[in-house]
Amino acid sequence: MEGELQKTLGRNLRRLRESQGMSQEDFADKLGYHRTYLGGVERGERNLTLRSVERIAFLVGGDPISLLTEPR
């Protein structure tokens, strides 16, 4: 189970990005990250702080909790 929140967050961000028709590079620019860093987040390889999750949620107009939970 280790790292499951990271993987869930990454899957949710990728789903959100793709639903908006954005490239990884465009989405990274919107969030203020480098494309390769965002790629690591989407793959669940990066461990973000809760503050970062809140910031991302604000920037994409979402709820931080929804980024950390599997869609129903």
PDB file of N, CA and C in Angstrom:
ATOM      1  N   MET A   1       0.813  -1.207   0.000  1.00  0.00           N
ATOM      2  CA  MET A   1       0.000   0.000   0.000  1.00  0.00           C
ATOM      3  C   MET A   1       0.850   1.262   0.000  1.00  0.00           C
ATOM      4  N   GLU A   2       2.133   1.138   0.195  1.00  0.00           N
ATOM      5  CA  GLU A   2       2.980   2.320   0.266  1.00  0.00           C
ATOM      6  C   GLU A   2       2.943   3.084  -1.052  1.00  0.00           C
ATOM      7  N   GLY A   3       2.719   4.377  -0.947  1.00  0.00           N
ATOM      8  CA  GLY A   3       2.709   5.225  -2.120  1.00  0.00           C
ATOM      9  C   GLY A   3       1.389   5.250  -2.876  1.00  0.00           C
ATOM     10  N   GLU A   4       0.348   4.641  -2.334  1.00  0.00           N
ATOM     11  CA  GLU A   4      -0.936   4.594  -3.041  1.00  0.00           C
ATOM     12  C   GLU A   4      -1.547   5.977  -3.241  1.00  0.00           C
ATOM     13  N   LEU A   5      -1.415   6.878  -2.258  1.00  0.00           N
ATOM     14  CA  LEU A   5      -1.945   8.233  -2.433  1.00  0.00           C
ATOM     15  C   LEU A   5      -1.219   8.961  -3.555  1.00  0.00           C
ATOM     16  N   GLN A   6       0.082   8.755  -3.655  1.00  0.00           N
ATOM     17  CA  GLN A   6       0.857   9.375  -4.733  1.00  0.00           C
ATOM     18  C   GLN A   6       0.355   8.884  -6.084  1.00  0.00           C
ATOM     19  N   LYS A   7       0.115   7.584  -6.197  1.00  0.00           N
ATOM     20  CA  LYS A   7      -0.354   7.016  -7.460  1.00  0.00           C
ATOM     21  C   LYS A   7      -1.763   7.493  -7.788  1.00  0.00           C
ATOM     22  N   THR A   8      -2.619   7.555  -6.773  1.00  0.00           N
ATOM     23  CA  THR A   8      -3.986   8.031  -6.990  1.00  0.00           C
ATOM     24  C   THR A   8      -3.973   9.483  -7.437  1.00  0.00           C
ATOM     25  N   LEU A   9      -3.182  10.313  -6.777  1.00  0.00           N
ATOM     26  CA  LEU A   9      -3.059  11.717  -7.160  1.00  0.00           C
ATOM     27  C   LEU A   9      -2.581  11.828  -8.603  1.00  0.00           C
ATOM     28  N   GLY A  10      -1.576  11.054  -8.964  1.00  0.00           N
ATOM     29  CA  GLY A  10      -1.057  11.090 -10.325  1.00  0.00           C
ATOM     30  C   GLY A  10      -2.090  10.690 -11.361  1.00  0.00           C
ATOM     31  N   ARG A  11      -2.830   9.614 -11.082  1.00  0.00           N
ATOM     32  CA  ARG A  11      -3.877   9.182 -12.018  1.00  0.00           C
ATOM     33  C   ARG A  11      -4.951  10.249 -12.167  1.00  0.00           C
ATOM     34  N   ASN A  12      -5.335  10.864 -11.043  1.00  0.00           N
ATOM     35  CA  ASN A  12      -6.367  11.903 -11.095  1.00  0.00           C
ATOM     36  C   ASN A  12      -5.904  13.129 -11.863  1.00  0.00           C
ATOM     37  N   LEU A  13      -4.657  13.519 -11.673  1.00  0.00           N
ATOM     38  CA  LEU A  13      -4.136  14.670 -12.420  1.00  0.00           C
ATOM     39  C   LEU A  13      -4.054  14.362 -13.912  1.00  0.00           C
ATOM     40  N   ARG A  14      -3.614  13.162 -14.255  1.00  0.00           N
ATOM     41  CA  ARG A  14      -3.548  12.787 -15.666  1.00  0.00           C
ATOM     42  C   ARG A  14      -4.948  12.778 -16.281  1.00  0.00           C
ATOM     43  N   ARG A  15      -5.911  12.210 -15.571  1.00  0.00           N
ATOM     44  CA  ARG A  15      -7.295  12.170 -16.057  1.00  0.00           C
ATOM     45  C   ARG A  15      -7.831  13.586 -16.261  1.00  0.00           C
ATOM     46  N   LEU A  16      -7.557  14.461 -15.299  1.00  0.00           N
ATOM     47  CA  LEU A  16      -8.001  15.847 -15.374  1.00  0.00           C
ATOM     48  C   LEU A  16      -7.355  16.562 -16.565  1.00  0.00           C
ATOM     49  N   ARG A  17      -6.056  16.375 -16.719  1.00  0.00           N
ATOM     50  CA  ARG A  17      -5.317  16.995 -17.828  1.00  0.00           C
ATOM     51  C   ARG A  17      -5.863  16.528 -19.168  1.00  0.00           C
ATOM     52  N   GLU A  18      -6.050  15.230 -19.297  1.00  0.00           N
ATOM     53  CA  GLU A  18      -6.542  14.685 -20.563  1.00  0.00           C
ATOM     54  C   GLU A  18      -7.976  15.124 -20.849  1.00  0.00           C
ATOM     55  N   SER A  19      -8.798  15.237 -19.800  1.00  0.00           N
ATOM     56  CA  SER A  19     -10.184  15.671 -20.007  1.00  0.00           C
ATOM     57  C   SER A  19     -10.252  17.114 -20.496  1.00  0.00           C
ATOM     58  N   GLN A  20      -9.220  17.895 -20.185  1.00  0.00           N
ATOM     59  CA  GLN A  20      -9.151  19.277 -20.635  1.00  0.00           C
ATOM     60  C   GLN A  20      -8.417  19.406 -21.970  1.00  0.00           C
ATOM     61  N   GLY A  21      -7.982  18.269 -22.513  1.00  0.00           N
ATOM     62  CA  GLY A  21      -7.288  18.267 -23.798  1.00  0.00           C
ATOM     63  C   GLY A  21      -5.943  18.964 -23.755  1.00  0.00           C
ATOM     64  N   MET A  22      -5.296  18.937 -22.597  1.00  0.00           N
ATOM     65  CA  MET A  22      -4.016  19.626 -22.442  1.00  0.00           C
ATOM     66  C   MET A  22      -2.856  18.656 -22.555  1.00  0.00           C
ATOM     67  N   SER A  23      -1.769  19.141 -23.129  1.00  0.00           N
ATOM     68  CA  SER A  23      -0.539  18.354 -23.143  1.00  0.00           C
ATOM     69  C   SER A  23       0.068  18.412 -21.745  1.00  0.00           C
ATOM     70  N   GLN A  24       0.974  17.491 -21.484  1.00  0.00           N
ATOM     71  CA  GLN A  24       1.656  17.497 -20.201  1.00  0.00           C
ATOM     72  C   GLN A  24       2.432  18.803 -20.022  1.00  0.00           C
ATOM     73  N   GLU A  25       3.023  19.290 -21.092  1.00  0.00           N
ATOM     74  CA  GLU A  25       3.793  20.530 -21.017  1.00  0.00           C
ATOM     75  C   GLU A  25       2.897  21.726 -20.698  1.00  0.00           C
ATOM     76  N   ASP A  26       1.739  21.823 -21.365  1.00  0.00           N
ATOM     77  CA  ASP A  26       0.813  22.925 -21.096  1.00  0.00           C
ATOM     78  C   ASP A  26       0.271  22.871 -19.674  1.00  0.00           C
ATOM     79  N   PHE A  27      -0.043  21.656 -19.220  1.00  0.00           N
ATOM     80  CA  PHE A  27      -0.575  21.494 -17.865  1.00  0.00           C
ATOM     81  C   PHE A  27       0.494  21.856 -16.837  1.00  0.00           C
ATOM     82  N   ALA A  28       1.725  21.432 -17.092  1.00  0.00           N
ATOM     83  CA  ALA A  28       2.835  21.764 -16.189  1.00  0.00           C
ATOM     84  C   ALA A  28       3.014  23.277 -16.110  1.00  0.00           C
ATOM     85  N   ASP A  29       2.939  23.958 -17.255  1.00  0.00           N
ATOM     86  CA  ASP A  29       3.052  25.419 -17.267  1.00  0.00           C
ATOM     87  C   ASP A  29       1.945  26.056 -16.436  1.00  0.00           C
ATOM     88  N   LYS A  30       0.732  25.550 -16.576  1.00  0.00           N
ATOM     89  CA  LYS A  30      -0.406  26.079 -15.817  1.00  0.00           C
ATOM     90  C   LYS A  30      -0.178  25.940 -14.313  1.00  0.00           C
ATOM     91  N   LEU A  31       0.452  24.817 -13.912  1.00  0.00           N
ATOM     92  CA  LEU A  31       0.688  24.558 -12.494  1.00  0.00           C
ATOM     93  C   LEU A  31       1.996  25.162 -11.980  1.00  0.00           C
ATOM     94  N   GLY A  32       2.841  25.625 -12.901  1.00  0.00           N
ATOM     95  CA  GLY A  32       4.123  26.206 -12.496  1.00  0.00           C
ATOM     96  C   GLY A  32       5.202  25.169 -12.239  1.00  0.00           C
ATOM     97  N   TYR A  33       5.076  23.990 -12.878  1.00  0.00           N
ATOM     98  CA  TYR A  33       6.063  22.925 -12.745  1.00  0.00           C
ATOM     99  C   TYR A  33       6.738  22.675 -14.089  1.00  0.00           C
ATOM    100  N   HIS A  34       7.872  22.012 -14.047  1.00  0.00           N
ATOM    101  CA  HIS A  34       8.533  21.564 -15.267  1.00  0.00           C
ATOM    102  C   HIS A  34       7.811  20.303 -15.745  1.00  0.00           C
ATOM    103  N   ARG A  35       7.789  20.087 -17.047  1.00  0.00           N
ATOM    104  CA  ARG A  35       7.086  18.937 -17.621  1.00  0.00           C
ATOM    105  C   ARG A  35       7.590  17.610 -17.061  1.00  0.00           C
ATOM    106  N   THR A  36       8.887  17.462 -16.895  1.00  0.00           N
ATOM    107  CA  THR A  36       9.413  16.186 -16.399  1.00  0.00           C
ATOM    108  C   THR A  36       9.018  15.959 -14.938  1.00  0.00           C
ATOM    109  N   TYR A  37       8.931  17.040 -14.158  1.00  0.00           N
ATOM    110  CA  TYR A  37       8.488  16.913 -12.771  1.00  0.00           C
ATOM    111  C   TYR A  37       7.025  16.467 -12.735  1.00  0.00           C
ATOM    112  N   LEU A  38       6.185  17.102 -13.564  1.00  0.00           N
ATOM    113  CA  LEU A  38       4.774  16.715 -13.614  1.00  0.00           C
ATOM    114  C   LEU A  38       4.630  15.267 -14.063  1.00  0.00           C
ATOM    115  N   GLY A  39       5.468  14.835 -14.989  1.00  0.00           N
ATOM    116  CA  GLY A  39       5.451  13.436 -15.415  1.00  0.00           C
ATOM    117  C   GLY A  39       5.704  12.506 -14.238  1.00  0.00           C
ATOM    118  N   GLY A  40       6.641  12.872 -13.376  1.00  0.00           N
ATOM    119  CA  GLY A  40       6.925  12.085 -12.177  1.00  0.00           C
ATOM    120  C   GLY A  40       5.751  12.061 -11.219  1.00  0.00           C
ATOM    121  N   VAL A  41       5.062  13.190 -11.114  1.00  0.00           N
ATOM    122  CA  VAL A  41       3.866  13.258 -10.264  1.00  0.00           C
ATOM    123  C   VAL A  41       2.784  12.351 -10.842  1.00  0.00           C
ATOM    124  N   GLU A  42       2.564  12.433 -12.141  1.00  0.00           N
ATOM    125  CA  GLU A  42       1.532  11.613 -12.777  1.00  0.00           C
ATOM    126  C   GLU A  42       1.829  10.120 -12.659  1.00  0.00           C
ATOM    127  N   ARG A  43       3.095   9.742 -12.612  1.00  0.00           N
ATOM    128  CA  ARG A  43       3.471   8.335 -12.465  1.00  0.00           C
ATOM    129  C   ARG A  43       3.493   7.890 -11.010  1.00  0.00           C
ATOM    130  N   GLY A  44       3.250   8.817 -10.085  1.00  0.00           N
ATOM    131  CA  GLY A  44       3.264   8.479  -8.663  1.00  0.00           C
ATOM    132  C   GLY A  44       4.646   8.346  -8.089  1.00  0.00           C
ATOM    133  N   GLU A  45       5.637   8.953  -8.740  1.00  0.00           N
ATOM    134  CA  GLU A  45       7.025   8.872  -8.291  1.00  0.00           C
ATOM    135  C   GLU A  45       7.425  10.033  -7.391  1.00  0.00           C
ATOM    136  N   ARG A  46       6.634  11.076  -7.362  1.00  0.00           N
ATOM    137  CA  ARG A  46       6.949  12.274  -6.574  1.00  0.00           C
ATOM    138  C   ARG A  46       6.043  12.350  -5.359  1.00  0.00           C
ATOM    139  N   ASN A  47       6.632  12.705  -4.237  1.00  0.00           N
ATOM    140  CA  ASN A  47       5.890  12.817  -2.997  1.00  0.00           C
ATOM    141  C   ASN A  47       5.617  14.300  -2.733  1.00  0.00           C
ATOM    142  N   LEU A  48       4.408  14.743  -3.021  1.00  0.00           N
ATOM    143  CA  LEU A  48       4.058  16.151  -2.845  1.00  0.00           C
ATOM    144  C   LEU A  48       3.644  16.432  -1.402  1.00  0.00           C
ATOM    145  N   THR A  49       3.850  17.669  -0.992  1.00  0.00           N
ATOM    146  CA  THR A  49       3.350  18.088   0.311  1.00  0.00           C
ATOM    147  C   THR A  49       1.852  18.355   0.207  1.00  0.00           C
ATOM    148  N   LEU A  50       1.192  18.363   1.339  1.00  0.00           N
ATOM    149  CA  LEU A  50      -0.236  18.695   1.350  1.00  0.00           C
ATOM    150  C   LEU A  50      -0.455  20.111   0.836  1.00  0.00           C
ATOM    151  N   ARG A  51       0.464  20.991   1.140  1.00  0.00           N
ATOM    152  CA  ARG A  51       0.368  22.366   0.638  1.00  0.00           C
ATOM    153  C   ARG A  51       0.378  22.376  -0.892  1.00  0.00           C
ATOM    154  N   SER A  52       1.223  21.540  -1.498  1.00  0.00           N
ATOM    155  CA  SER A  52       1.269  21.458  -2.962  1.00  0.00           C
ATOM    156  C   SER A  52      -0.040  20.911  -3.524  1.00  0.00           C
ATOM    157  N   VAL A  53      -0.602  19.906  -2.860  1.00  0.00           N
ATOM    158  CA  VAL A  53      -1.881  19.345  -3.314  1.00  0.00           C
ATOM    159  C   VAL A  53      -2.970  20.409  -3.244  1.00  0.00           C
ATOM    160  N   GLU A  54      -2.990  21.180  -2.166  1.00  0.00           N
ATOM    161  CA  GLU A  54      -3.972  22.268  -2.044  1.00  0.00           C
ATOM    162  C   GLU A  54      -3.776  23.301  -3.152  1.00  0.00           C
ATOM    163  N   ARG A  55      -2.550  23.649  -3.434  1.00  0.00           N
ATOM    164  CA  ARG A  55      -2.246  24.638  -4.467  1.00  0.00           C
ATOM    165  C   ARG A  55      -2.694  24.143  -5.845  1.00  0.00           C
ATOM    166  N   ILE A  56      -2.390  22.894  -6.151  1.00  0.00           N
ATOM    167  CA  ILE A  56      -2.805  22.318  -7.436  1.00  0.00           C
ATOM    168  C   ILE A  56      -4.320  22.323  -7.545  1.00  0.00           C
ATOM    169  N   ALA A  57      -4.995  21.905  -6.482  1.00  0.00           N
ATOM    170  CA  ALA A  57      -6.465  21.884  -6.497  1.00  0.00           C
ATOM    171  C   ALA A  57      -7.019  23.283  -6.753  1.00  0.00           C
ATOM    172  N   PHE A  58      -6.448  24.284  -6.128  1.00  0.00           N
ATOM    173  CA  PHE A  58      -6.891  25.656  -6.340  1.00  0.00           C
ATOM    174  C   PHE A  58      -6.703  26.065  -7.803  1.00  0.00           C
ATOM    175  N   LEU A  59      -5.551  25.726  -8.367  1.00  0.00           N
ATOM    176  CA  LEU A  59      -5.235  26.123  -9.743  1.00  0.00           C
ATOM    177  C   LEU A  59      -6.125  25.433 -10.779  1.00  0.00           C
ATOM    178  N   VAL A  60      -6.563  24.222 -10.480  1.00  0.00           N
ATOM    179  CA  VAL A  60      -7.408  23.502 -11.441  1.00  0.00           C
ATOM    180  C   VAL A  60      -8.889  23.631 -11.097  1.00  0.00           C
ATOM    181  N   GLY A  61      -9.186  24.370 -10.023  1.00  0.00           N
ATOM    182  CA  GLY A  61     -10.579  24.593  -9.642  1.00  0.00           C
ATOM    183  C   GLY A  61     -11.232  23.374  -9.032  1.00  0.00           C
ATOM    184  N   GLY A  62     -10.463  22.594  -8.297  1.00  0.00           N
ATOM    185  CA  GLY A  62     -10.993  21.375  -7.696  1.00  0.00           C
ATOM    186  C   GLY A  62     -10.847  21.356  -6.197  1.00  0.00           C
ATOM    187  N   ASP A  63     -11.174  20.229  -5.644  1.00  0.00           N
ATOM    188  CA  ASP A  63     -11.111  19.992  -4.210  1.00  0.00           C
ATOM    189  C   ASP A  63      -9.891  19.109  -3.929  1.00  0.00           C
ATOM    190  N   PRO A  64      -9.054  19.464  -2.963  1.00  0.00           N
ATOM    191  CA  PRO A  64      -7.869  18.653  -2.689  1.00  0.00           C
ATOM    192  C   PRO A  64      -8.208  17.189  -2.387  1.00  0.00           C
ATOM    193  N   ILE A  65      -9.291  16.959  -1.674  1.00  0.00           N
ATOM    194  CA  ILE A  65      -9.663  15.588  -1.331  1.00  0.00           C
ATOM    195  C   ILE A  65      -9.967  14.772  -2.591  1.00  0.00           C
ATOM    196  N   SER A  66     -10.605  15.416  -3.572  1.00  0.00           N
ATOM    197  CA  SER A  66     -10.941  14.681  -4.805  1.00  0.00           C
ATOM    198  C   SER A  66      -9.695  14.276  -5.576  1.00  0.00           C
ATOM    199  N   LEU A  67      -8.601  14.996  -5.391  1.00  0.00           N
ATOM    200  CA  LEU A  67      -7.351  14.619  -6.055  1.00  0.00           C
ATOM    201  C   LEU A  67      -6.702  13.406  -5.401  1.00  0.00           C
ATOM    202  N   LEU A  68      -7.069  13.147  -4.138  1.00  0.00           N
ATOM    203  CA  LEU A  68      -6.443  12.067  -3.384  1.00  0.00           C
ATOM    204  C   LEU A  68      -7.309  10.814  -3.282  1.00  0.00           C
ATOM    205  N   THR A  69      -8.486  10.847  -3.877  1.00  0.00           N
ATOM    206  CA  THR A  69      -9.384   9.694  -3.805  1.00  0.00           C
ATOM    207  C   THR A  69      -9.724   9.187  -5.195  1.00  0.00           C
ATOM    208  N   GLU A  70      -9.975   7.894  -5.277  1.00  0.00           N
ATOM    209  CA  GLU A  70     -10.376   7.298  -6.556  1.00  0.00           C
ATOM    210  C   GLU A  70     -11.766   7.782  -6.922  1.00  0.00           C
ATOM    211  N   PRO A  71     -12.006   8.073  -8.205  1.00  0.00           N
ATOM    212  CA  PRO A  71     -13.346   8.497  -8.626  1.00  0.00           C
ATOM    213  C   PRO A  71     -14.339   7.359  -8.439  1.00  0.00           C
ATOM    214  N   ARG A  72     -15.563   7.738  -8.151  1.00  0.00           N
ATOM    215  CA  ARG A  72     -16.617   6.722  -7.941  1.00  0.00           C
ATOM    216  C   ARG A  72     -17.448   6.572  -9.159  1.00  0.00           C
TER     217      ARG A  72
END
